[in-house]
Amino acid sequence: SALRALTWDFIALKKQFRPTLRNAVKLSEVIRTEIKG
């Protein structure tokens, strides 16, 4: 029941900390981009 909110929160976090993803045309581009430790 928490998976959807967790997923969208993480996508927003990726966009916040990877400025190049803010204007991504496709959601799949954001999802495929990894944040490597």
Full PDB file with SEQRES, HELIX, SHEET, SSBOND, CRYST1, ORIGX, SCALE, CONECT and MASTER records, all heavy atoms in Angstrom:
SEQRES   1 A   37  SER ALA LEU ARG ALA LEU THR TRP ASP PHE ILE ALA LEU          
SEQRES   2 A   37  LYS LYS GLN PHE ARG PRO THR LEU ARG ASN ALA VAL LYS          
SEQRES   3 A   37  LEU SER GLU VAL ILE ARG THR GLU ILE LYS GLY                  
HELIX    1 AA1 LEU A    3  PHE A   17  1                                  15    
HELIX    2 AA2 PRO A   19  LEU A   21  5                                   3    
HELIX    3 AA3 LEU A   27  ARG A   32  1                                   6    
CRYST1    1.000    1.000    1.000  90.00  90.00  90.00 P 1           1          
ORIGX1      1.000000  0.000000  0.000000        0.00000                         
ORIGX2      0.000000  1.000000  0.000000        0.00000                         
ORIGX3      0.000000  0.000000  1.000000        0.00000                         
SCALE1      1.000000  0.000000  0.000000        0.00000                         
SCALE2      0.000000  1.000000  0.000000        0.00000                         
SCALE3      0.000000  0.000000  1.000000        0.00000                         
ATOM      1  N   SER A   1       0.818  -1.224   0.000  1.00  0.00           N  
ATOM      2  CA  SER A   1       0.000   0.000   0.000  1.00  0.00           C  
ATOM      3  C   SER A   1       0.851   1.273   0.000  1.00  0.00           C  
ATOM      4  O   SER A   1       0.372   2.339  -0.367  1.00  0.00           O  
ATOM      5  CB  SER A   1      -0.933   0.003   1.208  1.00  0.00           C  
ATOM      6  OG  SER A   1      -0.184   0.019   2.411  1.00  0.00           O  
ATOM      7  N   ALA A   2       2.122   1.175   0.386  1.00  0.00           N  
ATOM      8  CA  ALA A   2       3.006   2.347   0.417  1.00  0.00           C  
ATOM      9  C   ALA A   2       3.876   2.467  -0.833  1.00  0.00           C  
ATOM     10  O   ALA A   2       4.566   3.474  -1.006  1.00  0.00           O  
ATOM     11  CB  ALA A   2       3.906   2.275   1.647  1.00  0.00           C  
ATOM     12  N   LEU A   3       3.822   1.474  -1.702  1.00  0.00           N  
ATOM     13  CA  LEU A   3       4.734   1.428  -2.841  1.00  0.00           C  
ATOM     14  C   LEU A   3       4.549   2.588  -3.816  1.00  0.00           C  
ATOM     15  O   LEU A   3       5.521   3.199  -4.252  1.00  0.00           O  
ATOM     16  CB  LEU A   3       4.592   0.094  -3.574  1.00  0.00           C  
ATOM     17  CG  LEU A   3       5.597  -0.160  -4.687  1.00  0.00           C  
ATOM     18  CD1 LEU A   3       7.015  -0.133  -4.145  1.00  0.00           C  
ATOM     19  CD2 LEU A   3       5.303  -1.483  -5.351  1.00  0.00           C  
ATOM     20  N   ARG A   4       3.319   2.919  -4.153  1.00  0.00           N  
ATOM     21  CA  ARG A   4       3.066   3.992  -5.118  1.00  0.00           C  
ATOM     22  C   ARG A   4       3.626   5.327  -4.625  1.00  0.00           C  
ATOM     23  O   ARG A   4       4.350   6.012  -5.340  1.00  0.00           O  
ATOM     24  CB  ARG A   4       1.577   4.125  -5.410  1.00  0.00           C  
ATOM     25  CG  ARG A   4       1.258   5.239  -6.407  1.00  0.00           C  
ATOM     26  CD  ARG A   4      -0.235   5.368  -6.665  1.00  0.00           C  
ATOM     27  NE  ARG A   4      -0.776   4.199  -7.319  1.00  0.00           N  
ATOM     28  CZ  ARG A   4      -0.859   4.070  -8.654  1.00  0.00           C  
ATOM     29  NH1 ARG A   4      -0.440   5.034  -9.424  1.00  0.00           N  
ATOM     30  NH2 ARG A   4      -1.369   2.989  -9.181  1.00  0.00           N  
ATOM     31  N   ALA A   5       3.334   5.690  -3.378  1.00  0.00           N  
ATOM     32  CA  ALA A   5       3.822   6.958  -2.828  1.00  0.00           C  
ATOM     33  C   ALA A   5       5.345   6.964  -2.740  1.00  0.00           C  
ATOM     34  O   ALA A   5       5.994   7.964  -3.076  1.00  0.00           O  
ATOM     35  CB  ALA A   5       3.215   7.213  -1.453  1.00  0.00           C  
ATOM     36  N   LEU A   6       5.933   5.854  -2.322  1.00  0.00           N  
ATOM     37  CA  LEU A   6       7.389   5.749  -2.233  1.00  0.00           C  
ATOM     38  C   LEU A   6       8.034   5.928  -3.605  1.00  0.00           C  
ATOM     39  O   LEU A   6       9.024   6.646  -3.754  1.00  0.00           O  
ATOM     40  CB  LEU A   6       7.779   4.397  -1.628  1.00  0.00           C  
ATOM     41  CG  LEU A   6       9.266   4.137  -1.458  1.00  0.00           C  
ATOM     42  CD1 LEU A   6       9.843   5.063  -0.397  1.00  0.00           C  
ATOM     43  CD2 LEU A   6       9.503   2.695  -1.061  1.00  0.00           C  
ATOM     44  N   THR A   7       7.462   5.305  -4.612  1.00  0.00           N  
ATOM     45  CA  THR A   7       7.989   5.402  -5.972  1.00  0.00           C  
ATOM     46  C   THR A   7       7.949   6.836  -6.479  1.00  0.00           C  
ATOM     47  O   THR A   7       8.941   7.365  -6.989  1.00  0.00           O  
ATOM     48  CB  THR A   7       7.202   4.487  -6.927  1.00  0.00           C  
ATOM     49  OG1 THR A   7       7.299   3.135  -6.455  1.00  0.00           O  
ATOM     50  CG2 THR A   7       7.728   4.572  -8.344  1.00  0.00           C  
ATOM     51  N   TRP A   8       6.807   7.510  -6.342  1.00  0.00           N  
ATOM     52  CA  TRP A   8       6.678   8.886  -6.838  1.00  0.00           C  
ATOM     53  C   TRP A   8       7.544   9.852  -6.032  1.00  0.00           C  
ATOM     54  O   TRP A   8       8.106  10.801  -6.593  1.00  0.00           O  
ATOM     55  CB  TRP A   8       5.225   9.321  -6.871  1.00  0.00           C  
ATOM     56  CG  TRP A   8       4.501   8.685  -8.024  1.00  0.00           C  
ATOM     57  CD1 TRP A   8       3.590   7.679  -7.957  1.00  0.00           C  
ATOM     58  CD2 TRP A   8       4.668   8.988  -9.412  1.00  0.00           C  
ATOM     59  NE1 TRP A   8       3.179   7.330  -9.216  1.00  0.00           N  
ATOM     60  CE2 TRP A   8       3.824   8.127 -10.130  1.00  0.00           C  
ATOM     61  CE3 TRP A   8       5.458   9.896 -10.118  1.00  0.00           C  
ATOM     62  CZ2 TRP A   8       3.745   8.158 -11.528  1.00  0.00           C  
ATOM     63  CZ3 TRP A   8       5.366   9.924 -11.497  1.00  0.00           C  
ATOM     64  CH2 TRP A   8       4.519   9.058 -12.186  1.00  0.00           C  
ATOM     65  N   ASP A   9       7.691   9.609  -4.742  1.00  0.00           N  
ATOM     66  CA  ASP A   9       8.585  10.450  -3.929  1.00  0.00           C  
ATOM     67  C   ASP A   9      10.033  10.296  -4.390  1.00  0.00           C  
ATOM     68  O   ASP A   9      10.782  11.275  -4.456  1.00  0.00           O  
ATOM     69  CB  ASP A   9       8.482  10.096  -2.444  1.00  0.00           C  
ATOM     70  CG  ASP A   9       7.184  10.564  -1.811  1.00  0.00           C  
ATOM     71  OD1 ASP A   9       6.455  11.350  -2.450  1.00  0.00           O  
ATOM     72  OD2 ASP A   9       6.906  10.126  -0.679  1.00  0.00           O  
ATOM     73  N   PHE A  10      10.433   9.073  -4.731  1.00  0.00           N  
ATOM     74  CA  PHE A  10      11.805   8.851  -5.181  1.00  0.00           C  
ATOM     75  C   PHE A  10      12.034   9.471  -6.555  1.00  0.00           C  
ATOM     76  O   PHE A  10      13.096  10.035  -6.817  1.00  0.00           O  
ATOM     77  CB  PHE A  10      12.143   7.360  -5.187  1.00  0.00           C  
ATOM     78  CG  PHE A  10      13.597   7.104  -5.462  1.00  0.00           C  
ATOM     79  CD1 PHE A  10      14.572   7.500  -4.553  1.00  0.00           C  
ATOM     80  CD2 PHE A  10      14.005   6.480  -6.626  1.00  0.00           C  
ATOM     81  CE1 PHE A  10      15.918   7.287  -4.795  1.00  0.00           C  
ATOM     82  CE2 PHE A  10      15.354   6.258  -6.884  1.00  0.00           C  
ATOM     83  CZ  PHE A  10      16.300   6.662  -5.963  1.00  0.00           C  
ATOM     84  N   ILE A  11      11.044   9.402  -7.427  1.00  0.00           N  
ATOM     85  CA  ILE A  11      11.160  10.050  -8.744  1.00  0.00           C  
ATOM     86  C   ILE A  11      11.326  11.559  -8.569  1.00  0.00           C  
ATOM     87  O   ILE A  11      12.164  12.183  -9.222  1.00  0.00           O  
ATOM     88  CB  ILE A  11       9.939   9.705  -9.625  1.00  0.00           C  
ATOM     89  CG1 ILE A  11      10.040   8.244 -10.076  1.00  0.00           C  
ATOM     90  CG2 ILE A  11       9.832  10.655 -10.819  1.00  0.00           C  
ATOM     91  CD1 ILE A  11       8.815   7.712 -10.763  1.00  0.00           C  
ATOM     92  N   ALA A  12      10.561  12.151  -7.662  1.00  0.00           N  
ATOM     93  CA  ALA A  12      10.689  13.589  -7.391  1.00  0.00           C  
ATOM     94  C   ALA A  12      12.074  13.914  -6.831  1.00  0.00           C  
ATOM     95  O   ALA A  12      12.680  14.938  -7.186  1.00  0.00           O  
ATOM     96  CB  ALA A  12       9.603  14.039  -6.420  1.00  0.00           C  
ATOM     97  N   LEU A  13      12.587  13.052  -5.978  1.00  0.00           N  
ATOM     98  CA  LEU A  13      13.924  13.244  -5.401  1.00  0.00           C  
ATOM     99  C   LEU A  13      15.002  13.178  -6.487  1.00  0.00           C  
ATOM    100  O   LEU A  13      15.926  13.993  -6.509  1.00  0.00           O  
ATOM    101  CB  LEU A  13      14.168  12.166  -4.342  1.00  0.00           C  
ATOM    102  CG  LEU A  13      15.321  12.361  -3.390  1.00  0.00           C  
ATOM    103  CD1 LEU A  13      15.077  13.573  -2.497  1.00  0.00           C  
ATOM    104  CD2 LEU A  13      15.491  11.118  -2.525  1.00  0.00           C  
ATOM    105  N   LYS A  14      14.873  12.231  -7.402  1.00  0.00           N  
ATOM    106  CA  LYS A  14      15.828  12.134  -8.502  1.00  0.00           C  
ATOM    107  C   LYS A  14      15.814  13.406  -9.338  1.00  0.00           C  
ATOM    108  O   LYS A  14      16.866  13.919  -9.722  1.00  0.00           O  
ATOM    109  CB  LYS A  14      15.505  10.924  -9.383  1.00  0.00           C  
ATOM    110  CG  LYS A  14      15.874   9.605  -8.735  1.00  0.00           C  
ATOM    111  CD  LYS A  14      15.345   8.433  -9.522  1.00  0.00           C  
ATOM    112  CE  LYS A  14      16.212   8.077 -10.682  1.00  0.00           C  
ATOM    113  NZ  LYS A  14      15.831   6.770 -11.289  1.00  0.00           N  
ATOM    114  N   LYS A  15      14.627  13.935  -9.610  1.00  0.00           N  
ATOM    115  CA  LYS A  15      14.527  15.168 -10.393  1.00  0.00           C  
ATOM    116  C   LYS A  15      15.121  16.357  -9.631  1.00  0.00           C  
ATOM    117  O   LYS A  15      15.736  17.233 -10.235  1.00  0.00           O  
ATOM    118  CB  LYS A  15      13.078  15.460 -10.744  1.00  0.00           C  
ATOM    119  CG  LYS A  15      12.518  14.565 -11.822  1.00  0.00           C  
ATOM    120  CD  LYS A  15      11.098  14.965 -12.140  1.00  0.00           C  
ATOM    121  CE  LYS A  15      10.558  14.244 -13.329  1.00  0.00           C  
ATOM    122  NZ  LYS A  15       9.223  14.718 -13.704  1.00  0.00           N  
ATOM    123  N   GLN A  16      14.944  16.372  -8.333  1.00  0.00           N  
ATOM    124  CA  GLN A  16      15.472  17.471  -7.528  1.00  0.00           C  
ATOM    125  C   GLN A  16      16.998  17.478  -7.532  1.00  0.00           C  
ATOM    126  O   GLN A  16      17.626  18.532  -7.608  1.00  0.00           O  
ATOM    127  CB  GLN A  16      14.955  17.375  -6.096  1.00  0.00           C  
ATOM    128  CG  GLN A  16      15.470  18.489  -5.201  1.00  0.00           C  
ATOM    129  CD  GLN A  16      14.955  18.379  -3.769  1.00  0.00           C  
ATOM    130  OE1 GLN A  16      14.097  17.564  -3.450  1.00  0.00           O  
ATOM    131  NE2 GLN A  16      15.505  19.194  -2.902  1.00  0.00           N  
ATOM    132  N   PHE A  17      17.601  16.306  -7.449  1.00  0.00           N  
ATOM    133  CA  PHE A  17      19.056  16.225  -7.318  1.00  0.00           C  
ATOM    134  C   PHE A  17      19.785  15.859  -8.608  1.00  0.00           C  
ATOM    135  O   PHE A  17      21.002  15.762  -8.616  1.00  0.00           O  
ATOM    136  CB  PHE A  17      19.428  15.267  -6.183  1.00  0.00           C  
ATOM    137  CG  PHE A  17      19.087  15.845  -4.850  1.00  0.00           C  
ATOM    138  CD1 PHE A  17      17.906  15.512  -4.211  1.00  0.00           C  
ATOM    139  CD2 PHE A  17      19.919  16.777  -4.246  1.00  0.00           C  
ATOM    140  CE1 PHE A  17      17.571  16.071  -2.978  1.00  0.00           C  
ATOM    141  CE2 PHE A  17      19.596  17.336  -3.024  1.00  0.00           C  
ATOM    142  CZ  PHE A  17      18.422  16.988  -2.392  1.00  0.00           C  
ATOM    143  N   ARG A  18      19.076  15.670  -9.686  1.00  0.00           N  
ATOM    144  CA  ARG A  18      19.653  15.506 -11.024  1.00  0.00           C  
ATOM    145  C   ARG A  18      18.942  16.514 -11.923  1.00  0.00           C  
ATOM    146  O   ARG A  18      17.969  16.185 -12.599  1.00  0.00           O  
ATOM    147  CB  ARG A  18      19.425  14.098 -11.576  1.00  0.00           C  
ATOM    148  CG  ARG A  18      20.254  13.036 -10.944  1.00  0.00           C  
ATOM    149  CD  ARG A  18      21.656  13.023 -11.563  1.00  0.00           C  
ATOM    150  NE  ARG A  18      22.388  11.865 -11.146  1.00  0.00           N  
ATOM    151  CZ  ARG A  18      23.272  11.882 -10.153  1.00  0.00           C  
ATOM    152  NH1 ARG A  18      23.509  12.980  -9.498  1.00  0.00           N  
ATOM    153  NH2 ARG A  18      23.924  10.789  -9.838  1.00  0.00           N  
ATOM    154  N   PRO A  19      19.421  17.758 -11.934  1.00  0.00           N  
ATOM    155  CA  PRO A  19      18.741  18.820 -12.685  1.00  0.00           C  
ATOM    156  C   PRO A  19      18.469  18.489 -14.153  1.00  0.00           C  
ATOM    157  O   PRO A  19      17.489  18.973 -14.721  1.00  0.00           O  
ATOM    158  CB  PRO A  19      19.703  20.008 -12.564  1.00  0.00           C  
ATOM    159  CG  PRO A  19      20.464  19.742 -11.313  1.00  0.00           C  
ATOM    160  CD  PRO A  19      20.605  18.246 -11.237  1.00  0.00           C  
ATOM    161  N   THR A  20      19.294  17.657 -14.778  1.00  0.00           N  
ATOM    162  CA  THR A  20      19.063  17.302 -16.178  1.00  0.00           C  
ATOM    163  C   THR A  20      17.773  16.496 -16.359  1.00  0.00           C  
ATOM    164  O   THR A  20      17.237  16.439 -17.462  1.00  0.00           O  
ATOM    165  CB  THR A  20      20.242  16.489 -16.741  1.00  0.00           C  
ATOM    166  OG1 THR A  20      20.444  15.329 -15.926  1.00  0.00           O  
ATOM    167  CG2 THR A  20      21.512  17.313 -16.768  1.00  0.00           C  
ATOM    168  N   LEU A  21      17.279  15.895 -15.287  1.00  0.00           N  
ATOM    169  CA  LEU A  21      16.047  15.098 -15.380  1.00  0.00           C  
ATOM    170  C   LEU A  21      14.780  15.941 -15.201  1.00  0.00           C  
ATOM    171  O   LEU A  21      13.678  15.459 -15.459  1.00  0.00           O  
ATOM    172  CB  LEU A  21      16.056  13.988 -14.322  1.00  0.00           C  
ATOM    173  CG  LEU A  21      17.134  12.927 -14.483  1.00  0.00           C  
ATOM    174  CD1 LEU A  21      17.077  11.952 -13.321  1.00  0.00           C  
ATOM    175  CD2 LEU A  21      16.976  12.197 -15.807  1.00  0.00           C  
ATOM    176  N   ARG A  22      14.933  17.169 -14.762  1.00  0.00           N  
ATOM    177  CA  ARG A  22      13.753  18.009 -14.497  1.00  0.00           C  
ATOM    178  C   ARG A  22      12.896  18.214 -15.729  1.00  0.00           C  
ATOM    179  O   ARG A  22      11.685  18.346 -15.624  1.00  0.00           O  
ATOM    180  CB  ARG A  22      14.182  19.350 -13.914  1.00  0.00           C  
ATOM    181  CG  ARG A  22      14.715  19.208 -12.515  1.00  0.00           C  
ATOM    182  CD  ARG A  22      15.107  20.532 -11.920  1.00  0.00           C  
ATOM    183  NE  ARG A  22      15.785  20.291 -10.648  1.00  0.00           N  
ATOM    184  CZ  ARG A  22      16.646  21.116 -10.106  1.00  0.00           C  
ATOM    185  NH1 ARG A  22      16.924  22.268 -10.692  1.00  0.00           N  
ATOM    186  NH2 ARG A  22      17.234  20.810  -8.976  1.00  0.00           N  
ATOM    187  N   ASN A  23      13.524  18.276 -16.882  1.00  0.00           N  
ATOM    188  CA  ASN A  23      12.780  18.512 -18.123  1.00  0.00           C  
ATOM    189  C   ASN A  23      12.700  17.268 -18.994  1.00  0.00           C  
ATOM    190  O   ASN A  23      12.509  17.379 -20.206  1.00  0.00           O  
ATOM    191  CB  ASN A  23      13.436  19.665 -18.907  1.00  0.00           C  
ATOM    192  CG  ASN A  23      13.409  20.960 -18.119  1.00  0.00           C  
ATOM    193  OD1 ASN A  23      12.435  21.266 -17.448  1.00  0.00           O  
ATOM    194  ND2 ASN A  23      14.494  21.707 -18.189  1.00  0.00           N  
ATOM    195  N   ALA A  24      12.850  16.109 -18.390  1.00  0.00           N  
ATOM    196  CA  ALA A  24      12.785  14.855 -19.151  1.00  0.00           C  
ATOM    197  C   ALA A  24      11.415  14.725 -19.800  1.00  0.00           C  
ATOM    198  O   ALA A  24      10.384  14.988 -19.179  1.00  0.00           O  
ATOM    199  CB  ALA A  24      13.045  13.669 -18.243  1.00  0.00           C  
ATOM    200  N   VAL A  25      11.418  14.335 -21.062  1.00  0.00           N  
ATOM    201  CA  VAL A  25      10.171  14.201 -21.812  1.00  0.00           C  
ATOM    202  C   VAL A  25       9.437  12.923 -21.407  1.00  0.00           C  
ATOM    203  O   VAL A  25       8.220  12.910 -21.296  1.00  0.00           O  
ATOM    204  CB  VAL A  25      10.461  14.203 -23.330  1.00  0.00           C  
ATOM    205  CG1 VAL A  25       9.194  13.978 -24.129  1.00  0.00           C  
ATOM    206  CG2 VAL A  25      11.136  15.504 -23.733  1.00  0.00           C  
ATOM    207  N   LYS A  26      10.190  11.874 -21.165  1.00  0.00           N  
ATOM    208  CA  LYS A  26       9.590  10.577 -20.841  1.00  0.00           C  
ATOM    209  C   LYS A  26       9.876  10.191 -19.394  1.00  0.00           C  
ATOM    210  O   LYS A  26      10.997  10.338 -18.910  1.00  0.00           O  
ATOM    211  CB  LYS A  26      10.144   9.491 -21.757  1.00  0.00           C  
ATOM    212  CG  LYS A  26       9.783   9.690 -23.212  1.00  0.00           C  
ATOM    213  CD  LYS A  26      10.332   8.563 -24.035  1.00  0.00           C  
ATOM    214  CE  LYS A  26       9.965   8.746 -25.495  1.00  0.00           C  
ATOM    215  NZ  LYS A  26      10.459   7.644 -26.303  1.00  0.00           N  
ATOM    216  N   LEU A  27       8.866   9.677 -18.717  1.00  0.00           N  
ATOM    217  CA  LEU A  27       9.025   9.192 -17.354  1.00  0.00           C  
ATOM    218  C   LEU A  27      10.048   8.061 -17.297  1.00  0.00           C  
ATOM    219  O   LEU A  27      10.823   7.962 -16.351  1.00  0.00           O  
ATOM    220  CB  LEU A  27       7.680   8.722 -16.805  1.00  0.00           C  
ATOM    221  CG  LEU A  27       7.664   8.147 -15.403  1.00  0.00           C  
ATOM    222  CD1 LEU A  27       8.150   9.184 -14.391  1.00  0.00           C  
ATOM    223  CD2 LEU A  27       6.276   7.660 -15.044  1.00  0.00           C  
ATOM    224  N   SER A  28      10.090   7.230 -18.339  1.00  0.00           N  
ATOM    225  CA  SER A  28      11.031   6.106 -18.361  1.00  0.00           C  
ATOM    226  C   SER A  28      12.481   6.583 -18.298  1.00  0.00           C  
ATOM    227  O   SER A  28      13.344   5.895 -17.765  1.00  0.00           O  
ATOM    228  CB  SER A  28      10.818   5.249 -19.611  1.00  0.00           C  
ATOM    229  OG  SER A  28      11.026   6.016 -20.786  1.00  0.00           O  
ATOM    230  N   GLU A  29      12.759   7.780 -18.826  1.00  0.00           N  
ATOM    231  CA  GLU A  29      14.114   8.335 -18.755  1.00  0.00           C  
ATOM    232  C   GLU A  29      14.510   8.607 -17.305  1.00  0.00           C  
ATOM    233  O   GLU A  29      15.629   8.322 -16.894  1.00  0.00           O  
ATOM    234  CB  GLU A  29      14.186   9.628 -19.565  1.00  0.00           C  
ATOM    235  CG  GLU A  29      15.552  10.243 -19.626  1.00  0.00           C  
ATOM    236  CD  GLU A  29      15.576  11.541 -20.428  1.00  0.00           C  
ATOM    237  OE1 GLU A  29      14.612  11.818 -21.159  1.00  0.00           O  
ATOM    238  OE2 GLU A  29      16.562  12.271 -20.298  1.00  0.00           O  
ATOM    239  N   VAL A  30      13.582   9.120 -16.523  1.00  0.00           N  
ATOM    240  CA  VAL A  30      13.840   9.389 -15.109  1.00  0.00           C  
ATOM    241  C   VAL A  30      14.008   8.079 -14.352  1.00  0.00           C  
ATOM    242  O   VAL A  30      14.915   7.926 -13.537  1.00  0.00           O  
ATOM    243  CB  VAL A  30      12.710  10.235 -14.485  1.00  0.00           C  
ATOM    244  CG1 VAL A  30      12.977  10.486 -13.005  1.00  0.00           C  
ATOM    245  CG2 VAL A  30      12.530  11.540 -15.234  1.00  0.00           C  
ATOM    246  N   ILE A  31      13.156   7.126 -14.642  1.00  0.00           N  
ATOM    247  CA  ILE A  31      13.194   5.839 -13.939  1.00  0.00           C  
ATOM    248  C   ILE A  31      14.493   5.096 -14.233  1.00  0.00           C  
ATOM    249  O   ILE A  31      15.112   4.527 -13.326  1.00  0.00           O  
ATOM    250  CB  ILE A  31      11.965   4.986 -14.312  1.00  0.00           C  
ATOM    251  CG1 ILE A  31      10.705   5.634 -13.738  1.00  0.00           C  
ATOM    252  CG2 ILE A  31      12.117   3.551 -13.827  1.00  0.00           C  
ATOM    253  CD1 ILE A  31       9.414   5.028 -14.234  1.00  0.00           C  
ATOM    254  N   ARG A  32      14.946   5.108 -15.486  1.00  0.00           N  
ATOM    255  CA  ARG A  32      16.164   4.369 -15.870  1.00  0.00           C  
ATOM    256  C   ARG A  32      17.447   5.011 -15.355  1.00  0.00           C  
ATOM    257  O   ARG A  32      18.467   4.336 -15.219  1.00  0.00           O  
ATOM    258  CB  ARG A  32      16.244   4.242 -17.385  1.00  0.00           C  
ATOM    259  CG  ARG A  32      15.372   3.162 -17.961  1.00  0.00           C  
ATOM    260  CD  ARG A  32      15.757   2.856 -19.401  1.00  0.00           C  
ATOM    261  NE  ARG A  32      16.017   4.041 -20.197  1.00  0.00           N  
ATOM    262  CZ  ARG A  32      15.134   4.640 -21.000  1.00  0.00           C  
ATOM    263  NH1 ARG A  32      13.915   4.163 -21.087  1.00  0.00           N  
ATOM    264  NH2 ARG A  32      15.462   5.698 -21.705  1.00  0.00           N  
ATOM    265  N   THR A  33      17.422   6.296 -15.078  1.00  0.00           N  
ATOM    266  CA  THR A  33      18.635   6.983 -14.627  1.00  0.00           C  
ATOM    267  C   THR A  33      18.925   6.603 -13.182  1.00  0.00           C  
ATOM    268  O   THR A  33      18.107   6.815 -12.296  1.00  0.00           O  
ATOM    269  CB  THR A  33      18.470   8.512 -14.747  1.00  0.00           C  
ATOM    270  OG1 THR A  33      18.192   8.826 -16.112  1.00  0.00           O  
ATOM    271  CG2 THR A  33      19.710   9.227 -14.293  1.00  0.00           C  
ATOM    272  N   GLU A  34      20.115   6.033 -12.960  1.00  0.00           N  
ATOM    273  CA  GLU A  34      20.499   5.607 -11.621  1.00  0.00           C  
ATOM    274  C   GLU A  34      21.208   6.727 -10.871  1.00  0.00           C  
ATOM    275  O   GLU A  34      21.870   7.561 -11.476  1.00  0.00           O  
ATOM    276  CB  GLU A  34      21.462   4.421 -11.689  1.00  0.00           C  
ATOM    277  CG  GLU A  34      20.819   3.125 -12.102  1.00  0.00           C  
ATOM    278  CD  GLU A  34      21.798   1.980 -11.957  1.00  0.00           C  
ATOM    279  OE1 GLU A  34      21.941   1.474 -10.825  1.00  0.00           O  
ATOM    280  OE2 GLU A  34      22.409   1.611 -12.969  1.00  0.00           O  
ATOM    281  N   ILE A  35      21.041   6.727  -9.583  1.00  0.00           N  
ATOM    282  CA  ILE A  35      21.862   7.561  -8.709  1.00  0.00           C  
ATOM    283  C   ILE A  35      22.818   6.595  -8.033  1.00  0.00           C  
ATOM    284  O   ILE A  35      22.423   5.815  -7.173  1.00  0.00           O  
ATOM    285  CB  ILE A  35      21.003   8.316  -7.674  1.00  0.00           C  
ATOM    286  CG1 ILE A  35      20.061   9.278  -8.379  1.00  0.00           C  
ATOM    287  CG2 ILE A  35      21.902   9.050  -6.688  1.00  0.00           C  
ATOM    288  CD1 ILE A  35      19.138  10.037  -7.453  1.00  0.00           C  
ATOM    289  N   LYS A  36      24.060   6.610  -8.476  1.00  0.00           N  
ATOM    290  CA  LYS A  36      25.044   5.646  -7.999  1.00  0.00           C  
ATOM    291  C   LYS A  36      25.699   6.141  -6.714  1.00  0.00           C  
ATOM    292  O   LYS A  36      26.096   7.298  -6.609  1.00  0.00           O  
ATOM    293  CB  LYS A  36      26.126   5.417  -9.053  1.00  0.00           C  
ATOM    294  CG  LYS A  36      25.623   4.907 -10.391  1.00  0.00           C  
ATOM    295  CD  LYS A  36      25.047   3.534 -10.300  1.00  0.00           C  
ATOM    296  CE  LYS A  36      26.114   2.490 -10.204  1.00  0.00           C  
ATOM    297  NZ  LYS A  36      25.608   1.134 -10.124  1.00  0.00           N  
ATOM    298  N   GLY A  37      25.823   5.256  -5.755  1.00  0.00           N  
ATOM    299  CA  GLY A  37      26.500   5.581  -4.503  1.00  0.00           C  
ATOM    300  C   GLY A  37      27.941   6.000  -4.727  1.00  0.00           C  
ATOM    301  O   GLY A  37      28.465   6.881  -4.039  1.00  0.00           O  
TER     302      GLY A  37                                                      
MASTER        0    0    0    3    0    0    0    6  301    1    0    3          
END                                                                             
